[in-house]
Amino acid sequence: MNSHIRELILTSTGAQTAFHIEIVQRLWSGYGDIVRYGLTGGDRSTVIVKHVKLRSSGRGVSHQRKVRSYQVETAWYSQWSGRCDAYCRVPACLAFESFGDEVFIVLEDLDTAGFPKRRSFVGDDEMHACLKWLANFHATFIGEHPKGLWSTGTYWHLATRPDELQALNDPVLKNAASLIDQKLRNSSYQTFVHGDAKLANFCFSDDGKHVAAVDFQYVGGGCGIKDVAYFIDSCLDGDQAERQLNQLLDVYFLALKQALKTKQKAVDADDVERDWRALYPVAWTDFHRFLKGWGPGYWPTNSYSERLARQVIAQL
């Protein structure tokens, strides 16, 4: 183990010794890894360390986006994550430090905190738990200015994805991309979006009824429905999403209204629902725009995403 990592872990946890257990995940494109360490002599048995190597030799838009994303994640844990309660659970940040082109973030291990399960497929209980997490997260940060975070969150945001827009072989959708983005940014109700709220970034309790979320590289400003559309897309194919949409949105908005009331937010909850529910097709189409540029494969014209995109563009 790197001696600096060991010292950071021991200082932040009060443990006497720390030892490597396993690599949990390699970070995208070789930018580091997430590692579980065991502890003795303290209050915790394990911690997670996100070790980011920014590769000073990196170049281009993609590299700069990744560098910024790790700066954002550090800002999230240092300035904002403490605002999240049990209803939008995130790992506690125990320490973070930067040295040259390396970043170390020491985090609570959610596995030992009661969220040991990951899901590739989900049933209603798990989907509803995630939607309730999103609702409470959005209610917590509604009306806040995303200082230190992305001004507009989500990893597919138009301004940060020029290469995918250039590759988009759909002139109508390409021409509408700015208007789609503007419509989302013009929502009267802005909050923080997780920015990568896919199923893989949720950690579940054993019974699947409680969740915590990880990976805050793309957290920032935006209307909450963007997270909702992206999450549903990560769980269901287009036909399933179309069939279950109203029921899933009902779950989300009921939880959102309850959270806004509990947190005593000075907004009209019914108006938030009207605004964001109407923007759901726009948010789905915005992500579809990114996907078509990122993976310009064959998209059947009768698919849910293509049909929805045509409807959205016609109404712009």
C-alpha atoms as a PDB file:
ATOM      1  CA  MET A   1       0.000   0.000   0.000  1.00  0.00           C
ATOM      2  CA  ASN A   2       1.172   3.506  -0.824  1.00  0.00           C
ATOM      3  CA  SER A   3       2.479   4.996   2.440  1.00  0.00           C
ATOM      4  CA  HIS A   4       0.631   8.235   1.855  1.00  0.00           C
ATOM      5  CA  ILE A   5      -2.686   6.406   1.406  1.00  0.00           C
ATOM      6  CA  ARG A   6      -2.031   4.456   4.595  1.00  0.00           C
ATOM      7  CA  GLU A   7      -1.332   7.633   6.572  1.00  0.00           C
ATOM      8  CA  LEU A   8      -4.450   9.351   5.184  1.00  0.00           C
ATOM      9  CA  ILE A   9      -6.632   6.354   6.089  1.00  0.00           C
ATOM     10  CA  LEU A  10      -5.239   5.999   9.596  1.00  0.00           C
ATOM     11  CA  THR A  11      -5.464   9.717  10.356  1.00  0.00           C
ATOM     12  CA  SER A  12      -9.046  10.012   9.084  1.00  0.00           C
ATOM     13  CA  THR A  13     -10.368   6.882  10.816  1.00  0.00           C
ATOM     14  CA  GLY A  14      -8.328   6.612  14.024  1.00  0.00           C
ATOM     15  CA  ALA A  15      -7.458   3.027  13.116  1.00  0.00           C
ATOM     16  CA  GLN A  16      -4.140   1.453  14.072  1.00  0.00           C
ATOM     17  CA  THR A  17      -3.517  -0.508  10.886  1.00  0.00           C
ATOM     18  CA  ALA A  18      -4.872  -0.584   7.349  1.00  0.00           C
ATOM     19  CA  PHE A  19      -4.518  -3.330   4.760  1.00  0.00           C
ATOM     20  CA  HIS A  20      -5.533  -3.822   1.140  1.00  0.00           C
ATOM     21  CA  ILE A  21      -8.554  -6.088   0.584  1.00  0.00           C
ATOM     22  CA  GLU A  22      -9.595  -5.699  -3.038  1.00  0.00           C
ATOM     23  CA  ILE A  23      -9.967  -3.446  -6.027  1.00  0.00           C
ATOM     24  CA  VAL A  24     -13.686  -2.698  -6.244  1.00  0.00           C
ATOM     25  CA  GLN A  25     -13.560  -1.030  -9.633  1.00  0.00           C
ATOM     26  CA  ARG A  26     -11.134   0.417 -12.158  1.00  0.00           C
ATOM     27  CA  LEU A  27     -11.963   3.989 -13.122  1.00  0.00           C
ATOM     28  CA  TRP A  28     -12.935   4.749 -16.711  1.00  0.00           C
ATOM     29  CA  SER A  29     -10.069   5.047 -19.233  1.00  0.00           C
ATOM     30  CA  GLY A  30      -7.341   4.197 -16.744  1.00  0.00           C
ATOM     31  CA  TYR A  31      -7.801   7.191 -14.460  1.00  0.00           C
ATOM     32  CA  GLY A  32      -7.283   5.201 -11.259  1.00  0.00           C
ATOM     33  CA  ASP A  33      -9.249   2.767  -9.152  1.00  0.00           C
ATOM     34  CA  ILE A  34     -11.590   2.323  -6.214  1.00  0.00           C
ATOM     35  CA  VAL A  35     -10.146   0.122  -3.480  1.00  0.00           C
ATOM     36  CA  ARG A  36     -11.492  -1.424  -0.281  1.00  0.00           C
ATOM     37  CA  TYR A  37      -9.133  -1.382   2.693  1.00  0.00           C
ATOM     38  CA  GLY A  38      -9.515  -3.260   5.960  1.00  0.00           C
ATOM     39  CA  LEU A  39      -8.889  -1.590   9.310  1.00  0.00           C
ATOM     40  CA  THR A  40      -7.988  -2.730  12.799  1.00  0.00           C
ATOM     41  CA  GLY A  41      -8.022  -0.842  16.069  1.00  0.00           C
ATOM     42  CA  GLY A  42     -10.736   1.672  15.183  1.00  0.00           C
ATOM     43  CA  ASP A  43     -14.484   2.101  14.924  1.00  0.00           C
ATOM     44  CA  ARG A  44     -14.648   0.937  11.292  1.00  0.00           C
ATOM     45  CA  SER A  45     -13.749  -2.416   9.823  1.00  0.00           C
ATOM     46  CA  THR A  46     -13.313  -1.146   6.255  1.00  0.00           C
ATOM     47  CA  VAL A  47     -13.143   2.010   4.136  1.00  0.00           C
ATOM     48  CA  ILE A  48     -13.252   2.781   0.440  1.00  0.00           C
ATOM     49  CA  VAL A  49     -10.554   4.882  -1.211  1.00  0.00           C
ATOM     50  CA  LYS A  50     -11.120   6.467  -4.595  1.00  0.00           C
ATOM     51  CA  HIS A  51      -7.629   7.007  -6.011  1.00  0.00           C
ATOM     52  CA  VAL A  52      -7.665   9.210  -9.094  1.00  0.00           C
ATOM     53  CA  LYS A  53      -4.639   9.576 -11.369  1.00  0.00           C
ATOM     54  CA  LEU A  54      -5.240  12.556 -13.623  1.00  0.00           C
ATOM     55  CA  ARG A  55      -2.466  11.700 -16.087  1.00  0.00           C
ATOM     56  CA  SER A  56      -0.805  15.047 -16.781  1.00  0.00           C
ATOM     57  CA  SER A  57      -0.035  13.771 -20.285  1.00  0.00           C
ATOM     58  CA  GLY A  58      -3.747  13.663 -21.149  1.00  0.00           C
ATOM     59  CA  ARG A  59      -5.052  15.920 -23.871  1.00  0.00           C
ATOM     60  CA  GLY A  60      -8.296  16.964 -25.533  1.00  0.00           C
ATOM     61  CA  VAL A  61     -11.876  17.642 -24.583  1.00  0.00           C
ATOM     62  CA  SER A  62     -12.426  14.201 -23.050  1.00  0.00           C
ATOM     63  CA  HIS A  63      -9.415  14.507 -20.747  1.00  0.00           C
ATOM     64  CA  GLN A  64     -10.353  18.012 -19.608  1.00  0.00           C
ATOM     65  CA  ARG A  65     -13.923  16.831 -18.904  1.00  0.00           C
ATOM     66  CA  LYS A  66     -12.613  13.988 -16.735  1.00  0.00           C
ATOM     67  CA  VAL A  67     -10.231  16.279 -14.837  1.00  0.00           C
ATOM     68  CA  ARG A  68     -13.087  18.676 -14.142  1.00  0.00           C
ATOM     69  CA  SER A  69     -15.346  15.793 -13.088  1.00  0.00           C
ATOM     70  CA  TYR A  70     -12.946  14.723 -10.332  1.00  0.00           C
ATOM     71  CA  GLN A  71     -12.582  18.326  -9.158  1.00  0.00           C
ATOM     72  CA  VAL A  72     -16.380  18.473  -8.985  1.00  0.00           C
ATOM     73  CA  GLU A  73     -16.586  15.230  -7.028  1.00  0.00           C
ATOM     74  CA  THR A  74     -14.098  16.538  -4.466  1.00  0.00           C
ATOM     75  CA  ALA A  75     -16.133  19.758  -4.165  1.00  0.00           C
ATOM     76  CA  TRP A  76     -19.306  17.711  -3.745  1.00  0.00           C
ATOM     77  CA  TYR A  77     -17.915  15.699  -0.848  1.00  0.00           C
ATOM     78  CA  SER A  78     -16.237  18.663   0.835  1.00  0.00           C
ATOM     79  CA  GLN A  79     -19.052  21.232   0.484  1.00  0.00           C
ATOM     80  CA  TRP A  80     -22.374  19.562  -0.186  1.00  0.00           C
ATOM     81  CA  SER A  81     -22.658  15.862   0.651  1.00  0.00           C
ATOM     82  CA  GLY A  82     -23.249  16.557   4.334  1.00  0.00           C
ATOM     83  CA  ARG A  83     -26.648  17.999   3.406  1.00  0.00           C
ATOM     84  CA  CYS A  84     -27.895  14.557   2.355  1.00  0.00           C
ATOM     85  CA  ASP A  85     -29.938  12.730   4.980  1.00  0.00           C
ATOM     86  CA  ALA A  86     -31.095   9.134   5.410  1.00  0.00           C
ATOM     87  CA  TYR A  87     -33.643   9.564   2.604  1.00  0.00           C
ATOM     88  CA  CYS A  88     -30.989  10.377   0.013  1.00  0.00           C
ATOM     89  CA  ARG A  89     -28.120   8.444   1.556  1.00  0.00           C
ATOM     90  CA  VAL A  90     -24.566   8.937   0.289  1.00  0.00           C
ATOM     91  CA  PRO A  91     -21.279   7.655   1.696  1.00  0.00           C
ATOM     92  CA  ALA A  92     -19.735   9.842   4.387  1.00  0.00           C
ATOM     93  CA  CYS A  93     -16.524  11.490   3.232  1.00  0.00           C
ATOM     94  CA  LEU A  94     -13.791  10.873   5.817  1.00  0.00           C
ATOM     95  CA  ALA A  95     -10.923  12.664   4.067  1.00  0.00           C
ATOM     96  CA  PHE A  96      -9.706  13.963   0.729  1.00  0.00           C
ATOM     97  CA  GLU A  97      -6.356  15.250  -0.471  1.00  0.00           C
ATOM     98  CA  SER A  98      -4.709  16.164  -3.754  1.00  0.00           C
ATOM     99  CA  PHE A  99      -1.040  15.674  -4.558  1.00  0.00           C
ATOM    100  CA  GLY A 100       0.155  16.751  -7.966  1.00  0.00           C
ATOM    101  CA  ASP A 101      -1.965  14.896 -10.488  1.00  0.00           C
ATOM    102  CA  GLU A 102      -3.394  12.450  -7.918  1.00  0.00           C
ATOM    103  CA  VAL A 103      -6.555  12.736  -5.821  1.00  0.00           C
ATOM    104  CA  PHE A 104      -7.464  10.550  -2.823  1.00  0.00           C
ATOM    105  CA  ILE A 105     -10.988  10.424  -1.386  1.00  0.00           C
ATOM    106  CA  VAL A 106     -11.563   8.256   1.703  1.00  0.00           C
ATOM    107  CA  LEU A 107     -15.195   7.207   1.975  1.00  0.00           C
ATOM    108  CA  GLU A 108     -17.441   5.207   4.242  1.00  0.00           C
ATOM    109  CA  ASP A 109     -17.884   1.639   2.980  1.00  0.00           C
ATOM    110  CA  LEU A 110     -21.577   1.366   2.113  1.00  0.00           C
ATOM    111  CA  ASP A 111     -21.378  -2.443   2.141  1.00  0.00           C
ATOM    112  CA  THR A 112     -20.787  -2.434   5.896  1.00  0.00           C
ATOM    113  CA  ALA A 113     -23.271   0.439   6.384  1.00  0.00           C
ATOM    114  CA  GLY A 114     -26.231  -1.690   5.322  1.00  0.00           C
ATOM    115  CA  PHE A 115     -26.151  -1.349   1.540  1.00  0.00           C
ATOM    116  CA  PRO A 116     -24.222  -4.407   0.322  1.00  0.00           C
ATOM    117  CA  LYS A 117     -26.250  -5.308  -2.757  1.00  0.00           C
ATOM    118  CA  ARG A 118     -25.835  -4.249  -6.387  1.00  0.00           C
ATOM    119  CA  ARG A 119     -28.434  -4.918  -9.051  1.00  0.00           C
ATOM    120  CA  SER A 120     -28.273  -5.548 -12.791  1.00  0.00           C
ATOM    121  CA  PHE A 121     -32.032  -6.032 -12.966  1.00  0.00           C
ATOM    122  CA  VAL A 122     -34.652  -4.626 -10.634  1.00  0.00           C
ATOM    123  CA  GLY A 123     -38.227  -5.155  -9.592  1.00  0.00           C
ATOM    124  CA  ASP A 124     -40.735  -2.583  -8.444  1.00  0.00           C
ATOM    125  CA  ASP A 125     -39.357  -2.288  -4.903  1.00  0.00           C
ATOM    126  CA  GLU A 126     -35.871  -1.422  -6.086  1.00  0.00           C
ATOM    127  CA  MET A 127     -37.023   0.995  -8.773  1.00  0.00           C
ATOM    128  CA  HIS A 128     -39.332   2.759  -6.349  1.00  0.00           C
ATOM    129  CA  ALA A 129     -36.541   3.027  -3.762  1.00  0.00           C
ATOM    130  CA  CYS A 130     -34.264   4.706  -6.311  1.00  0.00           C
ATOM    131  CA  LEU A 131     -36.981   7.086  -7.485  1.00  0.00           C
ATOM    132  CA  LYS A 132     -37.652   8.062  -3.864  1.00  0.00           C
ATOM    133  CA  TRP A 133     -33.929   8.633  -3.357  1.00  0.00           C
ATOM    134  CA  LEU A 134     -33.898  10.936  -6.398  1.00  0.00           C
ATOM    135  CA  ALA A 135     -36.992  12.787  -5.172  1.00  0.00           C
ATOM    136  CA  ASN A 136     -35.414  13.472  -1.784  1.00  0.00           C
ATOM    137  CA  PHE A 137     -32.110  14.471  -3.365  1.00  0.00           C
ATOM    138  CA  HIS A 138     -33.828  16.932  -5.697  1.00  0.00           C
ATOM    139  CA  ALA A 139     -35.956  18.340  -2.880  1.00  0.00           C
ATOM    140  CA  THR A 140     -32.865  18.849  -0.727  1.00  0.00           C
ATOM    141  CA  PHE A 141     -31.097  21.038  -3.266  1.00  0.00           C
ATOM    142  CA  ILE A 142     -33.948  22.774  -5.083  1.00  0.00           C
ATOM    143  CA  GLY A 143     -33.165  26.455  -5.546  1.00  0.00           C
ATOM    144  CA  GLU A 144     -29.489  26.080  -4.565  1.00  0.00           C
ATOM    145  CA  HIS A 145     -26.624  27.496  -6.620  1.00  0.00           C
ATOM    146  CA  PRO A 146     -24.203  24.680  -7.559  1.00  0.00           C
ATOM    147  CA  LYS A 147     -21.032  26.369  -6.337  1.00  0.00           C
ATOM    148  CA  GLY A 148     -18.000  24.241  -7.135  1.00  0.00           C
ATOM    149  CA  LEU A 149     -20.096  21.770  -9.137  1.00  0.00           C
ATOM    150  CA  TRP A 150     -21.015  21.644 -12.817  1.00  0.00           C
ATOM    151  CA  SER A 151     -23.184  24.657 -13.626  1.00  0.00           C
ATOM    152  CA  THR A 152     -25.247  22.186 -15.655  1.00  0.00           C
ATOM    153  CA  GLY A 153     -24.970  18.625 -14.404  1.00  0.00           C
ATOM    154  CA  THR A 154     -25.103  15.257 -16.275  1.00  0.00           C
ATOM    155  CA  TYR A 155     -22.260  13.693 -18.203  1.00  0.00           C
ATOM    156  CA  TRP A 156     -24.120  14.032 -21.521  1.00  0.00           C
ATOM    157  CA  HIS A 157     -24.726  17.780 -21.297  1.00  0.00           C
ATOM    158  CA  LEU A 158     -24.558  19.365 -24.748  1.00  0.00           C
ATOM    159  CA  ALA A 159     -21.868  21.934 -23.912  1.00  0.00           C
ATOM    160  CA  THR A 160     -19.442  19.231 -22.747  1.00  0.00           C
ATOM    161  CA  ARG A 161     -20.091  16.825 -25.637  1.00  0.00           C
ATOM    162  CA  PRO A 162     -19.077  18.557 -28.896  1.00  0.00           C
ATOM    163  CA  ASP A 163     -17.570  15.382 -30.387  1.00  0.00           C
ATOM    164  CA  GLU A 164     -20.807  13.420 -29.981  1.00  0.00           C
ATOM    165  CA  LEU A 165     -22.846  16.269 -31.456  1.00  0.00           C
ATOM    166  CA  GLN A 166     -20.516  16.435 -34.444  1.00  0.00           C
ATOM    167  CA  ALA A 167     -20.869  12.659 -34.953  1.00  0.00           C
ATOM    168  CA  LEU A 168     -24.667  12.778 -34.743  1.00  0.00           C
ATOM    169  CA  ASN A 169     -26.009  11.612 -38.117  1.00  0.00           C
ATOM    170  CA  ASP A 170     -29.497  13.004 -37.630  1.00  0.00           C
ATOM    171  CA  PRO A 171     -29.728  16.552 -39.025  1.00  0.00           C
ATOM    172  CA  VAL A 172     -33.146  17.249 -37.528  1.00  0.00           C
ATOM    173  CA  LEU A 173     -32.133  16.176 -34.030  1.00  0.00           C
ATOM    174  CA  LYS A 174     -28.762  17.903 -34.364  1.00  0.00           C
ATOM    175  CA  ASN A 175     -30.417  21.178 -35.325  1.00  0.00           C
ATOM    176  CA  ALA A 176     -32.823  20.876 -32.398  1.00  0.00           C
ATOM    177  CA  ALA A 177     -30.130  20.012 -29.824  1.00  0.00           C
ATOM    178  CA  SER A 178     -29.629  23.575 -28.582  1.00  0.00           C
ATOM    179  CA  LEU A 179     -33.353  24.200 -28.261  1.00  0.00           C
ATOM    180  CA  ILE A 180     -33.789  20.951 -26.316  1.00  0.00           C
ATOM    181  CA  ASP A 181     -30.980  21.949 -23.965  1.00  0.00           C
ATOM    182  CA  GLN A 182     -32.383  25.451 -23.585  1.00  0.00           C
ATOM    183  CA  LYS A 183     -35.835  24.139 -22.738  1.00  0.00           C
ATOM    184  CA  LEU A 184     -34.388  22.079 -19.893  1.00  0.00           C
ATOM    185  CA  ARG A 185     -32.251  24.963 -18.621  1.00  0.00           C
ATOM    186  CA  ASN A 186     -35.227  27.333 -18.761  1.00  0.00           C
ATOM    187  CA  SER A 187     -37.245  25.292 -16.288  1.00  0.00           C
ATOM    188  CA  SER A 188     -38.452  27.515 -13.474  1.00  0.00           C
ATOM    189  CA  TYR A 189     -37.353  24.916 -10.945  1.00  0.00           C
ATOM    190  CA  GLN A 190     -33.656  24.131 -10.868  1.00  0.00           C
ATOM    191  CA  THR A 191     -32.010  21.823  -8.359  1.00  0.00           C
ATOM    192  CA  PHE A 192     -28.923  19.613  -8.278  1.00  0.00           C
ATOM    193  CA  VAL A 193     -28.949  16.532 -10.468  1.00  0.00           C
ATOM    194  CA  HIS A 194     -26.841  13.496  -9.612  1.00  0.00           C
ATOM    195  CA  GLY A 195     -25.754  13.481 -13.237  1.00  0.00           C
ATOM    196  CA  ASP A 196     -25.117   9.745 -13.624  1.00  0.00           C
ATOM    197  CA  ALA A 197     -28.068   8.211 -11.766  1.00  0.00           C
ATOM    198  CA  LYS A 198     -27.937   4.836 -13.478  1.00  0.00           C
ATOM    199  CA  LEU A 199     -28.831   1.614 -11.738  1.00  0.00           C
ATOM    200  CA  ALA A 200     -25.156   0.669 -11.337  1.00  0.00           C
ATOM    201  CA  ASN A 201     -24.580   3.715  -9.109  1.00  0.00           C
ATOM    202  CA  PHE A 202     -27.128   2.649  -6.489  1.00  0.00           C
ATOM    203  CA  CYS A 203     -26.265   0.385  -3.565  1.00  0.00           C
ATOM    204  CA  PHE A 204     -29.166  -1.590  -2.057  1.00  0.00           C
ATOM    205  CA  SER A 205     -30.071  -2.951   1.351  1.00  0.00           C
ATOM    206  CA  ASP A 206     -30.567  -6.721   1.552  1.00  0.00           C
ATOM    207  CA  ASP A 207     -34.326  -6.385   1.048  1.00  0.00           C
ATOM    208  CA  GLY A 208     -33.956  -3.897  -1.823  1.00  0.00           C
ATOM    209  CA  LYS A 209     -36.166  -1.294  -0.155  1.00  0.00           C
ATOM    210  CA  HIS A 210     -33.421   1.156   0.832  1.00  0.00           C
ATOM    211  CA  VAL A 211     -30.672   2.638  -1.316  1.00  0.00           C
ATOM    212  CA  ALA A 212     -27.615   4.840  -1.224  1.00  0.00           C
ATOM    213  CA  ALA A 213     -25.932   6.422  -4.247  1.00  0.00           C
ATOM    214  CA  VAL A 214     -22.320   6.817  -5.316  1.00  0.00           C
ATOM    215  CA  ASP A 215     -20.291   8.459  -8.117  1.00  0.00           C
ATOM    216  CA  PHE A 216     -20.781  12.226  -8.009  1.00  0.00           C
ATOM    217  CA  GLN A 217     -18.456  13.266 -10.826  1.00  0.00           C
ATOM    218  CA  TYR A 218     -21.257  14.899 -12.807  1.00  0.00           C
ATOM    219  CA  VAL A 219     -23.398  16.420 -10.075  1.00  0.00           C
ATOM    220  CA  GLY A 220     -24.542  19.957 -10.852  1.00  0.00           C
ATOM    221  CA  GLY A 221     -27.424  22.233 -11.645  1.00  0.00           C
ATOM    222  CA  GLY A 222     -30.499  21.182 -13.611  1.00  0.00           C
ATOM    223  CA  CYS A 223     -34.117  20.142 -13.427  1.00  0.00           C
ATOM    224  CA  GLY A 224     -34.538  16.884 -11.554  1.00  0.00           C
ATOM    225  CA  ILE A 225     -36.485  15.121 -14.283  1.00  0.00           C
ATOM    226  CA  LYS A 226     -33.222  14.615 -16.191  1.00  0.00           C
ATOM    227  CA  ASP A 227     -32.068  12.162 -13.523  1.00  0.00           C
ATOM    228  CA  VAL A 228     -35.443  10.435 -13.560  1.00  0.00           C
ATOM    229  CA  ALA A 229     -35.467   9.904 -17.339  1.00  0.00           C
ATOM    230  CA  TYR A 230     -31.900   8.636 -17.320  1.00  0.00           C
ATOM    231  CA  PHE A 231     -32.535   6.290 -14.403  1.00  0.00           C
ATOM    232  CA  ILE A 232     -35.615   4.763 -16.033  1.00  0.00           C
ATOM    233  CA  ASP A 233     -33.665   4.346 -19.268  1.00  0.00           C
ATOM    234  CA  SER A 234     -30.941   2.494 -17.330  1.00  0.00           C
ATOM    235  CA  CYS A 235     -33.491  -0.019 -15.972  1.00  0.00           C
ATOM    236  CA  LEU A 236     -36.004  -0.604 -18.770  1.00  0.00           C
ATOM    237  CA  ASP A 237     -36.057  -0.895 -22.526  1.00  0.00           C
ATOM    238  CA  GLY A 238     -38.103   1.636 -24.460  1.00  0.00           C
ATOM    239  CA  ASP A 239     -41.306  -0.412 -24.626  1.00  0.00           C
ATOM    240  CA  GLN A 240     -41.201  -1.181 -20.909  1.00  0.00           C
ATOM    241  CA  ALA A 241     -40.474   2.445 -20.103  1.00  0.00           C
ATOM    242  CA  GLU A 242     -43.432   3.571 -22.182  1.00  0.00           C
ATOM    243  CA  ARG A 243     -45.807   1.118 -20.496  1.00  0.00           C
ATOM    244  CA  GLN A 244     -44.701   1.866 -16.940  1.00  0.00           C
ATOM    245  CA  LEU A 245     -44.014   5.582 -17.286  1.00  0.00           C
ATOM    246  CA  ASN A 246     -47.078   7.082 -15.642  1.00  0.00           C
ATOM    247  CA  GLN A 247     -46.882   4.741 -12.664  1.00  0.00           C
ATOM    248  CA  LEU A 248     -43.158   5.421 -12.153  1.00  0.00           C
ATOM    249  CA  LEU A 249     -43.588   9.170 -12.428  1.00  0.00           C
ATOM    250  CA  ASP A 250     -46.433   9.002  -9.920  1.00  0.00           C
ATOM    251  CA  VAL A 251     -44.085   7.297  -7.433  1.00  0.00           C
ATOM    252  CA  TYR A 252     -41.404   9.925  -7.992  1.00  0.00           C
ATOM    253  CA  PHE A 253     -43.677  12.968  -7.760  1.00  0.00           C
ATOM    254  CA  LEU A 254     -45.514  11.704  -4.682  1.00  0.00           C
ATOM    255  CA  ALA A 255     -42.137  11.300  -2.949  1.00  0.00           C
ATOM    256  CA  LEU A 256     -40.976  14.694  -4.247  1.00  0.00           C
ATOM    257  CA  LYS A 257     -44.029  16.478  -2.848  1.00  0.00           C
ATOM    258  CA  GLN A 258     -43.611  14.790   0.517  1.00  0.00           C
ATOM    259  CA  ALA A 259     -39.923  15.703   0.625  1.00  0.00           C
ATOM    260  CA  LEU A 260     -40.541  19.336  -0.352  1.00  0.00           C
ATOM    261  CA  LYS A 261     -43.072  19.595   2.462  1.00  0.00           C
ATOM    262  CA  THR A 262     -40.848  17.867   5.022  1.00  0.00           C
ATOM    263  CA  LYS A 263     -37.866  20.033   4.094  1.00  0.00           C
ATOM    264  CA  GLN A 264     -40.104  23.131   4.140  1.00  0.00           C
ATOM    265  CA  LYS A 265     -39.076  24.300   0.690  1.00  0.00           C
ATOM    266  CA  ALA A 266     -40.798  27.517  -0.402  1.00  0.00           C
ATOM    267  CA  VAL A 267     -41.987  26.240  -3.762  1.00  0.00           C
ATOM    268  CA  ASP A 268     -45.361  25.220  -5.175  1.00  0.00           C
ATOM    269  CA  ALA A 269     -45.015  21.429  -5.279  1.00  0.00           C
ATOM    270  CA  ASP A 270     -47.898  21.026  -7.727  1.00  0.00           C
ATOM    271  CA  ASP A 271     -46.284  23.519 -10.092  1.00  0.00           C
ATOM    272  CA  VAL A 272     -42.936  21.723  -9.843  1.00  0.00           C
ATOM    273  CA  GLU A 273     -44.701  18.532 -10.879  1.00  0.00           C
ATOM    274  CA  ARG A 274     -46.455  20.202 -13.806  1.00  0.00           C
ATOM    275  CA  ASP A 275     -43.196  21.715 -15.022  1.00  0.00           C
ATOM    276  CA  TRP A 276     -40.997  18.637 -14.656  1.00  0.00           C
ATOM    277  CA  ARG A 277     -43.571  16.094 -15.803  1.00  0.00           C
ATOM    278  CA  ALA A 278     -44.000  18.051 -19.037  1.00  0.00           C
ATOM    279  CA  LEU A 279     -40.219  18.077 -19.485  1.00  0.00           C
ATOM    280  CA  TYR A 280     -39.810  14.308 -19.153  1.00  0.00           C
ATOM    281  CA  PRO A 281     -39.971  13.680 -22.942  1.00  0.00           C
ATOM    282  CA  VAL A 282     -37.480  16.520 -23.470  1.00  0.00           C
ATOM    283  CA  ALA A 283     -35.060  15.054 -20.933  1.00  0.00           C
ATOM    284  CA  TRP A 284     -35.339  11.589 -22.513  1.00  0.00           C
ATOM    285  CA  THR A 285     -34.716  13.095 -25.957  1.00  0.00           C
ATOM    286  CA  ASP A 286     -31.696  15.028 -24.688  1.00  0.00           C
ATOM    287  CA  PHE A 287     -30.058  11.786 -23.566  1.00  0.00           C
ATOM    288  CA  HIS A 288     -31.122  10.094 -26.804  1.00  0.00           C
ATOM    289  CA  ARG A 289     -29.323  12.881 -28.679  1.00  0.00           C
ATOM    290  CA  PHE A 290     -26.120  12.029 -26.823  1.00  0.00           C
ATOM    291  CA  LEU A 291     -26.505   8.275 -27.393  1.00  0.00           C
ATOM    292  CA  LYS A 292     -27.038   8.664 -31.142  1.00  0.00           C
ATOM    293  CA  GLY A 293     -23.827  10.681 -31.398  1.00  0.00           C
ATOM    294  CA  TRP A 294     -21.835   8.460 -29.049  1.00  0.00           C
ATOM    295  CA  GLY A 295     -22.910   5.200 -30.704  1.00  0.00           C
ATOM    296  CA  PRO A 296     -24.188   6.017 -34.191  1.00  0.00           C
ATOM    297  CA  GLY A 297     -25.734   2.621 -34.798  1.00  0.00           C
ATOM    298  CA  TYR A 298     -29.082   1.737 -36.260  1.00  0.00           C
ATOM    299  CA  TRP A 299     -31.988   3.260 -34.355  1.00  0.00           C
ATOM    300  CA  PRO A 300     -35.333   1.850 -35.603  1.00  0.00           C
ATOM    301  CA  THR A 301     -37.647   4.682 -36.565  1.00  0.00           C
ATOM    302  CA  ASN A 302     -40.508   3.052 -34.666  1.00  0.00           C
ATOM    303  CA  SER A 303     -38.540   2.749 -31.399  1.00  0.00           C
ATOM    304  CA  TYR A 304     -39.801   4.581 -28.333  1.00  0.00           C
ATOM    305  CA  SER A 305     -36.850   6.993 -28.290  1.00  0.00           C
ATOM    306  CA  GLU A 306     -37.182   7.898 -31.954  1.00  0.00           C
ATOM    307  CA  ARG A 307     -40.932   8.418 -31.712  1.00  0.00           C
ATOM    308  CA  LEU A 308     -40.555  10.531 -28.600  1.00  0.00           C
ATOM    309  CA  ALA A 309     -37.789  12.622 -30.190  1.00  0.00           C
ATOM    310  CA  ARG A 310     -39.976  13.396 -33.203  1.00  0.00           C
ATOM    311  CA  GLN A 311     -42.802  14.495 -30.920  1.00  0.00           C
ATOM    312  CA  VAL A 312     -40.526  16.707 -28.861  1.00  0.00           C
ATOM    313  CA  ILE A 313     -38.929  18.338 -31.918  1.00  0.00           C
ATOM    314  CA  ALA A 314     -42.341  19.008 -33.461  1.00  0.00           C
ATOM    315  CA  GLN A 315     -43.402  20.849 -30.298  1.00  0.00           C
ATOM    316  CA  LEU A 316     -40.278  23.003 -29.882  1.00  0.00           C
END
